[in-house]
PDB file of all heavy atoms in Angstrom:
ATOM      1  N   LYS A   1     -17.000   2.017   3.899  1.00  0.00           N
ATOM      2  CA  LYS A   1     -16.157   1.999   5.084  1.00  0.00           C
ATOM      3  C   LYS A   1     -15.008   3.040   5.030  1.00  0.00           C
ATOM      4  O   LYS A   1     -14.264   3.152   5.963  1.00  0.00           O
ATOM      5  CB  LYS A   1     -15.563   0.642   5.354  1.00  0.00           C
ATOM      6  CG  LYS A   1     -16.556  -0.478   5.669  1.00  0.00           C
ATOM      7  CD  LYS A   1     -15.876  -1.800   5.907  1.00  0.00           C
ATOM      8  CE  LYS A   1     -16.888  -2.853   6.316  1.00  0.00           C
ATOM      9  NZ  LYS A   1     -16.242  -4.155   6.580  1.00  0.00           N
ATOM     10  N   ASN A   2     -14.941   3.728   3.864  1.00  0.00           N
ATOM     11  CA  ASN A   2     -13.899   4.728   3.678  1.00  0.00           C
ATOM     12  C   ASN A   2     -12.512   4.111   3.917  1.00  0.00           C
ATOM     13  O   ASN A   2     -11.649   4.669   4.551  1.00  0.00           O
ATOM     14  CB  ASN A   2     -14.077   5.923   4.568  1.00  0.00           C
ATOM     15  CG  ASN A   2     -15.427   6.617   4.295  1.00  0.00           C
ATOM     16  OD1 ASN A   2     -15.711   6.961   3.139  1.00  0.00           O
ATOM     17  ND2 ASN A   2     -16.185   6.835   5.340  1.00  0.00           N
ATOM     18  N   THR A   3     -12.329   2.899   3.381  1.00  0.00           N
ATOM     19  CA  THR A   3     -11.110   2.119   3.646  1.00  0.00           C
ATOM     20  C   THR A   3     -10.538   1.611   2.293  1.00  0.00           C
ATOM     21  O   THR A   3     -11.336   1.193   1.442  1.00  0.00           O
ATOM     22  CB  THR A   3     -11.364   0.964   4.584  1.00  0.00           C
ATOM     23  OG1 THR A   3     -11.824   1.451   5.867  1.00  0.00           O
ATOM     24  CG2 THR A   3     -10.130   0.162   4.824  1.00  0.00           C
ATOM     25  N   VAL A   4      -9.253   1.644   2.189  1.00  0.00           N
ATOM     26  CA  VAL A   4      -8.581   1.107   1.013  1.00  0.00           C
ATOM     27  C   VAL A   4      -7.630  -0.023   1.457  1.00  0.00           C
ATOM     28  O   VAL A   4      -7.105   0.035   2.593  1.00  0.00           O
ATOM     29  CB  VAL A   4      -7.840   2.191   0.203  1.00  0.00           C
ATOM     30  CG1 VAL A   4      -6.698   2.781   1.024  1.00  0.00           C
ATOM     31  CG2 VAL A   4      -7.308   1.634  -1.078  1.00  0.00           C
ATOM     32  N   TYR A   5      -7.531  -1.035   0.624  1.00  0.00           N
ATOM     33  CA  TYR A   5      -6.715  -2.194   0.960  1.00  0.00           C
ATOM     34  C   TYR A   5      -5.672  -2.434  -0.098  1.00  0.00           C
ATOM     35  O   TYR A   5      -5.905  -2.155  -1.293  1.00  0.00           O
ATOM     36  CB  TYR A   5      -7.585  -3.435   1.089  1.00  0.00           C
ATOM     37  CG  TYR A   5      -8.721  -3.304   2.060  1.00  0.00           C
ATOM     38  CD1 TYR A   5      -9.995  -2.934   1.597  1.00  0.00           C
ATOM     39  CD2 TYR A   5      -8.544  -3.571   3.420  1.00  0.00           C
ATOM     40  CE1 TYR A   5     -11.041  -2.815   2.461  1.00  0.00           C
ATOM     41  CE2 TYR A   5      -9.628  -3.445   4.302  1.00  0.00           C
ATOM     42  CZ  TYR A   5     -10.869  -3.067   3.831  1.00  0.00           C
ATOM     43  OH  TYR A   5     -11.910  -2.949   4.698  1.00  0.00           O
ATOM     44  N   LEU A   6      -4.521  -2.931   0.311  1.00  0.00           N
ATOM     45  CA  LEU A   6      -3.472  -3.338  -0.639  1.00  0.00           C
ATOM     46  C   LEU A   6      -3.085  -4.769  -0.300  1.00  0.00           C
ATOM     47  O   LEU A   6      -2.424  -5.014   0.722  1.00  0.00           O
ATOM     48  CB  LEU A   6      -2.264  -2.416  -0.556  1.00  0.00           C
ATOM     49  CG  LEU A   6      -1.168  -2.686  -1.578  1.00  0.00           C
ATOM     50  CD1 LEU A   6      -1.633  -2.377  -2.960  1.00  0.00           C
ATOM     51  CD2 LEU A   6       0.096  -1.855  -1.258  1.00  0.00           C
ATOM     52  N   GLN A   7      -3.563  -5.683  -1.145  1.00  0.00           N
ATOM     53  CA  GLN A   7      -3.168  -7.063  -0.991  1.00  0.00           C
ATOM     54  C   GLN A   7      -1.853  -7.315  -1.696  1.00  0.00           C
ATOM     55  O   GLN A   7      -1.724  -7.089  -2.915  1.00  0.00           O
ATOM     56  CB  GLN A   7      -4.252  -8.013  -1.582  1.00  0.00           C
ATOM     57  CG  GLN A   7      -3.969  -9.492  -1.483  1.00  0.00           C
ATOM     58  CD  GLN A   7      -3.919 -10.009  -0.081  1.00  0.00           C
ATOM     59  OE1 GLN A   7      -4.817  -9.656   0.719  1.00  0.00           O
ATOM     60  NE2 GLN A   7      -2.920 -10.772   0.281  1.00  0.00           N
ATOM     61  N   MET A   8      -0.839  -7.778  -0.994  1.00  0.00           N
ATOM     62  CA  MET A   8       0.520  -7.970  -1.497  1.00  0.00           C
ATOM     63  C   MET A   8       0.830  -9.422  -1.459  1.00  0.00           C
ATOM     64  O   MET A   8       0.967 -10.011  -0.373  1.00  0.00           O
ATOM     65  CB  MET A   8       1.497  -7.151  -0.653  1.00  0.00           C
ATOM     66  CG  MET A   8       1.143  -5.645  -0.614  1.00  0.00           C
ATOM     67  SD  MET A   8       2.454  -4.672   0.219  1.00  0.00           S
ATOM     68  CE  MET A   8       2.334  -5.332   1.886  1.00  0.00           C
ATOM     69  N   ASN A   9       0.998 -10.016  -2.625  1.00  0.00           N
ATOM     70  CA  ASN A   9       1.368 -11.398  -2.762  1.00  0.00           C
ATOM     71  C   ASN A   9       2.720 -11.544  -3.410  1.00  0.00           C
ATOM     72  O   ASN A   9       3.239 -10.668  -4.019  1.00  0.00           O
ATOM     73  CB  ASN A   9       0.298 -12.147  -3.603  1.00  0.00           C
ATOM     74  CG  ASN A   9      -1.090 -12.174  -2.989  1.00  0.00           C
ATOM     75  OD1 ASN A   9      -1.271 -12.156  -1.809  1.00  0.00           O
ATOM     76  ND2 ASN A   9      -2.114 -12.137  -3.859  1.00  0.00           N
ATOM     77  N   SER A  10       3.279 -12.749  -3.279  1.00  0.00           N
ATOM     78  CA  SER A  10       4.584 -13.070  -3.855  1.00  0.00           C
ATOM     79  C   SER A  10       5.634 -12.011  -3.497  1.00  0.00           C
ATOM     80  O   SER A  10       6.339 -11.501  -4.362  1.00  0.00           O
ATOM     81  CB  SER A  10       4.443 -13.203  -5.384  1.00  0.00           C
ATOM     82  OG  SER A  10       3.519 -14.260  -5.711  1.00  0.00           O
ATOM     83  N   LEU A  11       5.679 -11.648  -2.252  1.00  0.00           N
ATOM     84  CA  LEU A  11       6.541 -10.565  -1.822  1.00  0.00           C
ATOM     85  C   LEU A  11       7.995 -10.907  -2.047  1.00  0.00           C
ATOM     86  O   LEU A  11       8.442 -12.038  -1.866  1.00  0.00           O
ATOM     87  CB  LEU A  11       6.284 -10.212  -0.362  1.00  0.00           C
ATOM     88  CG  LEU A  11       5.005  -9.415  -0.163  1.00  0.00           C
ATOM     89  CD1 LEU A  11       4.560  -9.474   1.327  1.00  0.00           C
ATOM     90  CD2 LEU A  11       5.212  -7.952  -0.547  1.00  0.00           C
ATOM     91  N   LYS A  12       8.756  -9.887  -2.379  1.00  0.00           N
ATOM     92  CA  LYS A  12      10.217  -9.940  -2.641  1.00  0.00           C
ATOM     93  C   LYS A  12      10.947  -9.094  -1.666  1.00  0.00           C
ATOM     94  O   LYS A  12      10.435  -8.099  -1.169  1.00  0.00           O
ATOM     95  CB  LYS A  12      10.501  -9.515  -4.073  1.00  0.00           C
ATOM     96  CG  LYS A  12       9.724 -10.273  -5.122  1.00  0.00           C
ATOM     97  CD  LYS A  12      10.009  -9.670  -6.528  1.00  0.00           C
ATOM     98  CE  LYS A  12       9.280 -10.405  -7.586  1.00  0.00           C
ATOM     99  NZ  LYS A  12       9.565  -9.815  -8.963  1.00  0.00           N
ATOM    100  N   PRO A  13      12.238  -9.377  -1.443  1.00  0.00           N
ATOM    101  CA  PRO A  13      13.010  -8.473  -0.571  1.00  0.00           C
ATOM    102  C   PRO A  13      13.022  -7.033  -1.054  1.00  0.00           C
ATOM    103  O   PRO A  13      13.084  -6.096  -0.246  1.00  0.00           O
ATOM    104  CB  PRO A  13      14.418  -9.080  -0.625  1.00  0.00           C
ATOM    105  CG  PRO A  13      14.166 -10.540  -0.870  1.00  0.00           C
ATOM    106  CD  PRO A  13      12.972 -10.617  -1.758  1.00  0.00           C
ATOM    107  N   GLU A  14      12.926  -6.839  -2.367  1.00  0.00           N
ATOM    108  CA  GLU A  14      12.880  -5.481  -2.945  1.00  0.00           C
ATOM    109  C   GLU A  14      11.651  -4.704  -2.574  1.00  0.00           C
ATOM    110  O   GLU A  14      11.586  -3.495  -2.740  1.00  0.00           O
ATOM    111  CB  GLU A  14      12.983  -5.577  -4.488  1.00  0.00           C
ATOM    112  CG  GLU A  14      14.195  -6.287  -4.982  1.00  0.00           C
ATOM    113  CD  GLU A  14      13.891  -7.735  -5.253  1.00  0.00           C
ATOM    114  OE1 GLU A  14      13.873  -8.523  -4.289  1.00  0.00           O
ATOM    115  OE2 GLU A  14      13.768  -8.117  -6.449  1.00  0.00           O
ATOM    116  N   ASP A  15      10.610  -5.381  -2.046  1.00  0.00           N
ATOM    117  CA  ASP A  15       9.409  -4.702  -1.551  1.00  0.00           C
ATOM    118  C   ASP A  15       9.567  -4.121  -0.187  1.00  0.00           C
ATOM    119  O   ASP A  15       8.678  -3.384   0.297  1.00  0.00           O
ATOM    120  CB  ASP A  15       8.203  -5.672  -1.539  1.00  0.00           C
ATOM    121  CG  ASP A  15       7.876  -6.201  -2.932  1.00  0.00           C
ATOM    122  OD1 ASP A  15       7.846  -5.390  -3.902  1.00  0.00           O
ATOM    123  OD2 ASP A  15       7.610  -7.405  -3.050  1.00  0.00           O
ATOM    124  N   THR A  16      10.686  -4.394   0.470  1.00  0.00           N
ATOM    125  CA  THR A  16      10.899  -3.851   1.834  1.00  0.00           C
ATOM    126  C   THR A  16      10.967  -2.355   1.813  1.00  0.00           C
ATOM    127  O   THR A  16      11.761  -1.761   1.036  1.00  0.00           O
ATOM    128  CB  THR A  16      12.192  -4.388   2.397  1.00  0.00           C
ATOM    129  OG1 THR A  16      12.116  -5.834   2.547  1.00  0.00           O
ATOM    130  CG2 THR A  16      12.506  -3.808   3.766  1.00  0.00           C
ATOM    131  N   ALA A  17      10.135  -1.713   2.594  1.00  0.00           N
ATOM    132  CA  ALA A  17      10.062  -0.254   2.609  1.00  0.00           C
ATOM    133  C   ALA A  17       9.016   0.164   3.674  1.00  0.00           C
ATOM    134  O   ALA A  17       8.302  -0.673   4.255  1.00  0.00           O
ATOM    135  CB  ALA A  17       9.625   0.291   1.254  1.00  0.00           C
ATOM    136  N   ILE A  18       8.974   1.471   3.918  1.00  0.00           N
ATOM    137  CA  ILE A  18       7.846   2.047   4.675  1.00  0.00           C
ATOM    138  C   ILE A  18       6.771   2.414   3.656  1.00  0.00           C
ATOM    139  O   ILE A  18       7.060   3.121   2.694  1.00  0.00           O
ATOM    140  CB  ILE A  18       8.261   3.248   5.511  1.00  0.00           C
ATOM    141  CG1 ILE A  18       9.390   2.884   6.480  1.00  0.00           C
ATOM    142  CG2 ILE A  18       7.081   3.796   6.249  1.00  0.00           C
ATOM    143  CD1 ILE A  18       9.905   4.053   7.264  1.00  0.00           C
ATOM    144  N   TYR A  19       5.574   1.963   3.913  1.00  0.00           N
ATOM    145  CA  TYR A  19       4.451   2.218   3.030  1.00  0.00           C
ATOM    146  C   TYR A  19       3.592   3.274   3.658  1.00  0.00           C
ATOM    147  O   TYR A  19       3.118   3.132   4.769  1.00  0.00           O
ATOM    148  CB  TYR A  19       3.627   0.929   2.793  1.00  0.00           C
ATOM    149  CG  TYR A  19       4.326  -0.050   1.900  1.00  0.00           C
ATOM    150  CD1 TYR A  19       5.501  -0.710   2.278  1.00  0.00           C
ATOM    151  CD2 TYR A  19       3.819  -0.351   0.636  1.00  0.00           C
ATOM    152  CE1 TYR A  19       6.176  -1.562   1.453  1.00  0.00           C
ATOM    153  CE2 TYR A  19       4.458  -1.223  -0.227  1.00  0.00           C
ATOM    154  CZ  TYR A  19       5.623  -1.857   0.206  1.00  0.00           C
ATOM    155  OH  TYR A  19       6.261  -2.752  -0.667  1.00  0.00           O
ATOM    156  N   TYR A  20       3.323   4.327   2.851  1.00  0.00           N
ATOM    157  CA  TYR A  20       2.564   5.477   3.332  1.00  0.00           C
ATOM    158  C   TYR A  20       1.256   5.584   2.567  1.00  0.00           C
ATOM    159  O   TYR A  20       1.250   5.755   1.362  1.00  0.00           O
ATOM    160  CB  TYR A  20       3.334   6.803   3.144  1.00  0.00           C
ATOM    161  CG  TYR A  20       4.520   6.909   4.006  1.00  0.00           C
ATOM    162  CD1 TYR A  20       5.805   6.534   3.542  1.00  0.00           C
ATOM    163  CD2 TYR A  20       4.470   7.408   5.335  1.00  0.00           C
ATOM    164  CE1 TYR A  20       6.918   6.633   4.311  1.00  0.00           C
ATOM    165  CE2 TYR A  20       5.598   7.455   6.118  1.00  0.00           C
ATOM    166  CZ  TYR A  20       6.813   7.107   5.562  1.00  0.00           C
ATOM    167  OH  TYR A  20       7.963   7.222   6.392  1.00  0.00           O
ATOM    168  N   CYS A  21       0.161   5.466   3.276  1.00  0.00           N
ATOM    169  CA  CYS A  21      -1.165   5.659   2.646  1.00  0.00           C
ATOM    170  C   CYS A  21      -1.399   7.147   2.428  1.00  0.00           C
ATOM    171  O   CYS A  21      -0.923   8.021   3.164  1.00  0.00           O
ATOM    172  CB  CYS A  21      -2.254   5.097   3.560  1.00  0.00           C
ATOM    173  SG  CYS A  21      -3.951   5.354   3.012  1.00  0.00           S
ATOM    174  N   TYR A  22      -2.114   7.458   1.330  1.00  0.00           N
ATOM    175  CA  TYR A  22      -2.473   8.857   1.079  1.00  0.00           C
ATOM    176  C   TYR A  22      -3.895   8.945   0.533  1.00  0.00           C
ATOM    177  O   TYR A  22      -4.445   7.977   0.029  1.00  0.00           O
ATOM    178  CB  TYR A  22      -1.476   9.514   0.101  1.00  0.00           C
ATOM    179  CG  TYR A  22      -1.730   9.156  -1.353  1.00  0.00           C
ATOM    180  CD1 TYR A  22      -2.560   9.907  -2.166  1.00  0.00           C
ATOM    181  CD2 TYR A  22      -1.044   8.080  -1.904  1.00  0.00           C
ATOM    182  CE1 TYR A  22      -2.773   9.583  -3.499  1.00  0.00           C
ATOM    183  CE2 TYR A  22      -1.273   7.711  -3.240  1.00  0.00           C
ATOM    184  CZ  TYR A  22      -2.094   8.482  -4.003  1.00  0.00           C
ATOM    185  OH  TYR A  22      -2.275   8.179  -5.338  1.00  0.00           O
ATOM    186  N   SER A  23      -4.441  10.144   0.609  1.00  0.00           N
ATOM    187  CA  SER A  23      -5.718  10.469   0.013  1.00  0.00           C
ATOM    188  C   SER A  23      -5.693  11.865  -0.509  1.00  0.00           C
ATOM    189  O   SER A  23      -4.913  12.746  -0.067  1.00  0.00           O
ATOM    190  CB  SER A  23      -6.850  10.283   1.003  1.00  0.00           C
ATOM    191  OG  SER A  23      -6.851  11.290   1.995  1.00  0.00           O
ATOM    192  N   GLY A  24      -6.574  12.147  -1.483  1.00  0.00           N
ATOM    193  CA  GLY A  24      -6.635  13.439  -2.070  1.00  0.00           C
ATOM    194  C   GLY A  24      -7.705  13.578  -3.111  1.00  0.00           C
ATOM    195  O   GLY A  24      -8.387  12.563  -3.449  1.00  0.00           O
ATOM    196  N   THR A  25      -7.866  14.789  -3.649  1.00  0.00           N
ATOM    197  CA  THR A  25      -8.863  15.005  -4.673  1.00  0.00           C
ATOM    198  C   THR A  25      -8.207  14.723  -6.050  1.00  0.00           C
ATOM    199  O   THR A  25      -8.727  13.958  -6.830  1.00  0.00           O
ATOM    200  CB  THR A  25      -9.396  16.448  -4.640  1.00  0.00           C
ATOM    201  OG1 THR A  25      -9.937  16.670  -3.326  1.00  0.00           O
ATOM    202  CG2 THR A  25     -10.453  16.668  -5.669  1.00  0.00           C
ATOM    203  N   PHE A  26      -7.092  15.391  -6.351  1.00  0.00           N
ATOM    204  CA  PHE A  26      -6.396  15.174  -7.583  1.00  0.00           C
ATOM    205  C   PHE A  26      -4.932  14.791  -7.359  1.00  0.00           C
ATOM    206  O   PHE A  26      -4.282  14.332  -8.301  1.00  0.00           O
ATOM    207  CB  PHE A  26      -6.421  16.462  -8.452  1.00  0.00           C
ATOM    208  CG  PHE A  26      -7.833  16.935  -8.754  1.00  0.00           C
ATOM    209  CD1 PHE A  26      -8.342  18.043  -8.123  1.00  0.00           C
ATOM    210  CD2 PHE A  26      -8.619  16.289  -9.704  1.00  0.00           C
ATOM    211  CE1 PHE A  26      -9.645  18.436  -8.372  1.00  0.00           C
ATOM    212  CE2 PHE A  26      -9.886  16.701  -9.966  1.00  0.00           C
ATOM    213  CZ  PHE A  26     -10.376  17.822  -9.321  1.00  0.00           C
TER     214      PHE A  26
END
């Protein structure tokens, strides 16, 4: 599906942020 997932459990206030997905060769 050319899809990546990030399962985030036990979230903390310190996890607050903008999350940017990326892809690349190296």
